[in-house]
Amino acid sequence: MRIILVLAALFTYGIASADVTDGEALSNDLCYDCHFVDEGEMAELEATFDSIKGIVDGSVKHRKKLKLTDEEIQSLIEYFSTFEQGEG
């Protein structure tokens, strides 16, 4: 039973870290041209799944149109959550 729990934990950690890694790559490609992500700006802007989804569907005004899947949006949020507001 312990081995199953350990494997489940490792699998879950792998998924979470992949989400953060994917989010970092997306952020570098899409966000860093205009935002200071690692300095807490996304927290100041209150970047959430819903706010980014709004940019994707056009209901939230944004400088450029974004085309992202829900999984990609979640990866961005996971990455943004690794920074505290004002941290650089």
C-alpha atoms as a PDB file:
ATOM      1  CA  MET A   1       0.000   0.000   0.000  1.00  0.00           C
ATOM      2  CA  ARG A   2       2.856   2.412   0.796  1.00  0.00           C
ATOM      3  CA  ILE A   3       4.374   1.933  -2.632  1.00  0.00           C
ATOM      4  CA  ILE A   4       1.088   2.940  -4.243  1.00  0.00           C
ATOM      5  CA  LEU A   5       0.958   6.117  -2.143  1.00  0.00           C
ATOM      6  CA  VAL A   6       4.553   6.965  -2.993  1.00  0.00           C
ATOM      7  CA  LEU A   7       3.947   6.385  -6.696  1.00  0.00           C
ATOM      8  CA  ALA A   8       0.769   8.473  -6.569  1.00  0.00           C
ATOM      9  CA  ALA A   9       2.644  11.306  -4.855  1.00  0.00           C
ATOM     10  CA  LEU A  10       5.468  11.189  -7.394  1.00  0.00           C
ATOM     11  CA  PHE A  11       3.010  11.124 -10.277  1.00  0.00           C
ATOM     12  CA  THR A  12       1.097  14.094  -8.844  1.00  0.00           C
ATOM     13  CA  TYR A  13       4.329  16.041  -8.261  1.00  0.00           C
ATOM     14  CA  GLY A  14       5.403  15.304 -11.824  1.00  0.00           C
ATOM     15  CA  ILE A  15       2.153  16.679 -13.186  1.00  0.00           C
ATOM     16  CA  ALA A  16       2.347  19.793 -11.015  1.00  0.00           C
ATOM     17  CA  SER A  17       5.944  20.542 -11.948  1.00  0.00           C
ATOM     18  CA  ALA A  18       5.157  19.941 -15.624  1.00  0.00           C
ATOM     19  CA  ASP A  19       2.321  22.469 -15.353  1.00  0.00           C
ATOM     20  CA  VAL A  20       4.699  25.043 -13.852  1.00  0.00           C
ATOM     21  CA  THR A  21       7.332  24.305 -16.497  1.00  0.00           C
ATOM     22  CA  ASP A  22       4.745  24.576 -19.273  1.00  0.00           C
ATOM     23  CA  GLY A  23       3.427  27.784 -17.721  1.00  0.00           C
ATOM     24  CA  GLU A  24       6.912  29.268 -17.578  1.00  0.00           C
ATOM     25  CA  ALA A  25       7.460  28.503 -21.265  1.00  0.00           C
ATOM     26  CA  LEU A  26       4.093  30.032 -22.196  1.00  0.00           C
ATOM     27  CA  SER A  27       4.806  33.065 -20.037  1.00  0.00           C
ATOM     28  CA  ASN A  28       8.183  33.580 -21.695  1.00  0.00           C
ATOM     29  CA  ASP A  29       6.551  33.356 -25.129  1.00  0.00           C
ATOM     30  CA  LEU A  30       3.408  35.386 -24.432  1.00  0.00           C
ATOM     31  CA  CYS A  31       3.738  37.597 -21.358  1.00  0.00           C
ATOM     32  CA  TYR A  32       7.288  38.840 -20.859  1.00  0.00           C
ATOM     33  CA  ASP A  33       7.177  41.262 -23.798  1.00  0.00           C
ATOM     34  CA  CYS A  34       4.749  43.466 -21.853  1.00  0.00           C
ATOM     35  CA  HIS A  35       4.634  42.246 -18.218  1.00  0.00           C
ATOM     36  CA  PHE A  36       7.133  41.828 -15.387  1.00  0.00           C
ATOM     37  CA  VAL A  37       5.904  38.385 -14.386  1.00  0.00           C
ATOM     38  CA  ASP A  38       8.686  37.501 -11.953  1.00  0.00           C
ATOM     39  CA  GLU A  39       8.373  40.848 -10.164  1.00  0.00           C
ATOM     40  CA  GLY A  40       4.807  40.133  -9.075  1.00  0.00           C
ATOM     41  CA  GLU A  41       2.975  42.104 -11.731  1.00  0.00           C
ATOM     42  CA  MET A  42       0.635  39.222 -12.532  1.00  0.00           C
ATOM     43  CA  ALA A  43      -0.437  39.139  -8.874  1.00  0.00           C
ATOM     44  CA  GLU A  44      -0.943  42.901  -8.955  1.00  0.00           C
ATOM     45  CA  LEU A  45      -3.037  42.485 -12.088  1.00  0.00           C
ATOM     46  CA  GLU A  46      -4.941  39.696 -10.308  1.00  0.00           C
ATOM     47  CA  ALA A  47      -4.231  37.234 -13.097  1.00  0.00           C
ATOM     48  CA  THR A  48      -6.613  34.346 -12.557  1.00  0.00           C
ATOM     49  CA  PHE A  49      -7.887  31.499 -14.684  1.00  0.00           C
ATOM     50  CA  ASP A  50     -11.080  33.493 -15.361  1.00  0.00           C
ATOM     51  CA  SER A  51      -9.265  36.715 -16.273  1.00  0.00           C
ATOM     52  CA  ILE A  52      -6.974  34.949 -18.733  1.00  0.00           C
ATOM     53  CA  LYS A  53      -9.920  32.940 -20.101  1.00  0.00           C
ATOM     54  CA  GLY A  54     -11.650  36.296 -20.639  1.00  0.00           C
ATOM     55  CA  ILE A  55      -8.704  37.506 -22.701  1.00  0.00           C
ATOM     56  CA  VAL A  56      -8.872  34.329 -24.778  1.00  0.00           C
ATOM     57  CA  ASP A  57     -12.622  34.635 -25.397  1.00  0.00           C
ATOM     58  CA  GLY A  58     -12.449  38.398 -25.986  1.00  0.00           C
ATOM     59  CA  SER A  59     -14.496  39.547 -22.989  1.00  0.00           C
ATOM     60  CA  VAL A  60     -11.439  41.080 -21.258  1.00  0.00           C
ATOM     61  CA  LYS A  61      -9.569  43.845 -23.038  1.00  0.00           C
ATOM     62  CA  HIS A  62      -5.926  43.026 -23.711  1.00  0.00           C
ATOM     63  CA  ARG A  63      -3.193  44.445 -25.923  1.00  0.00           C
ATOM     64  CA  LYS A  64      -2.985  41.286 -28.043  1.00  0.00           C
ATOM     65  CA  LYS A  65      -5.271  38.333 -28.707  1.00  0.00           C
ATOM     66  CA  LEU A  66      -4.297  35.110 -26.960  1.00  0.00           C
ATOM     67  CA  LYS A  67      -5.119  31.608 -28.148  1.00  0.00           C
ATOM     68  CA  LEU A  68      -4.773  29.212 -25.214  1.00  0.00           C
ATOM     69  CA  THR A  69      -6.428  25.996 -24.131  1.00  0.00           C
ATOM     70  CA  ASP A  70      -7.830  25.653 -20.617  1.00  0.00           C
ATOM     71  CA  GLU A  71      -4.835  23.448 -19.758  1.00  0.00           C
ATOM     72  CA  GLU A  72      -2.423  26.122 -20.948  1.00  0.00           C
ATOM     73  CA  ILE A  73      -4.233  28.773 -18.911  1.00  0.00           C
ATOM     74  CA  GLN A  74      -4.016  26.558 -15.832  1.00  0.00           C
ATOM     75  CA  SER A  75      -0.294  26.091 -16.460  1.00  0.00           C
ATOM     76  CA  LEU A  76       0.165  29.868 -16.578  1.00  0.00           C
ATOM     77  CA  ILE A  77      -1.703  30.252 -13.290  1.00  0.00           C
ATOM     78  CA  GLU A  78       0.429  27.518 -11.701  1.00  0.00           C
ATOM     79  CA  TYR A  79       3.561  29.336 -12.839  1.00  0.00           C
ATOM     80  CA  PHE A  80       2.343  32.768 -11.709  1.00  0.00           C
ATOM     81  CA  SER A  81       1.531  31.308  -8.293  1.00  0.00           C
ATOM     82  CA  THR A  82       5.220  30.483  -7.763  1.00  0.00           C
ATOM     83  CA  PHE A  83       5.938  34.208  -7.320  1.00  0.00           C
ATOM     84  CA  GLU A  84       4.876  36.385  -4.452  1.00  0.00           C
ATOM     85  CA  GLN A  85       3.695  39.886  -5.212  1.00  0.00           C
ATOM     86  CA  GLY A  86       6.690  42.186  -5.391  1.00  0.00           C
ATOM     87  CA  GLU A  87       9.213  39.339  -5.481  1.00  0.00           C
ATOM     88  CA  GLY A  88      11.955  39.672  -8.046  1.00  0.00           C
END
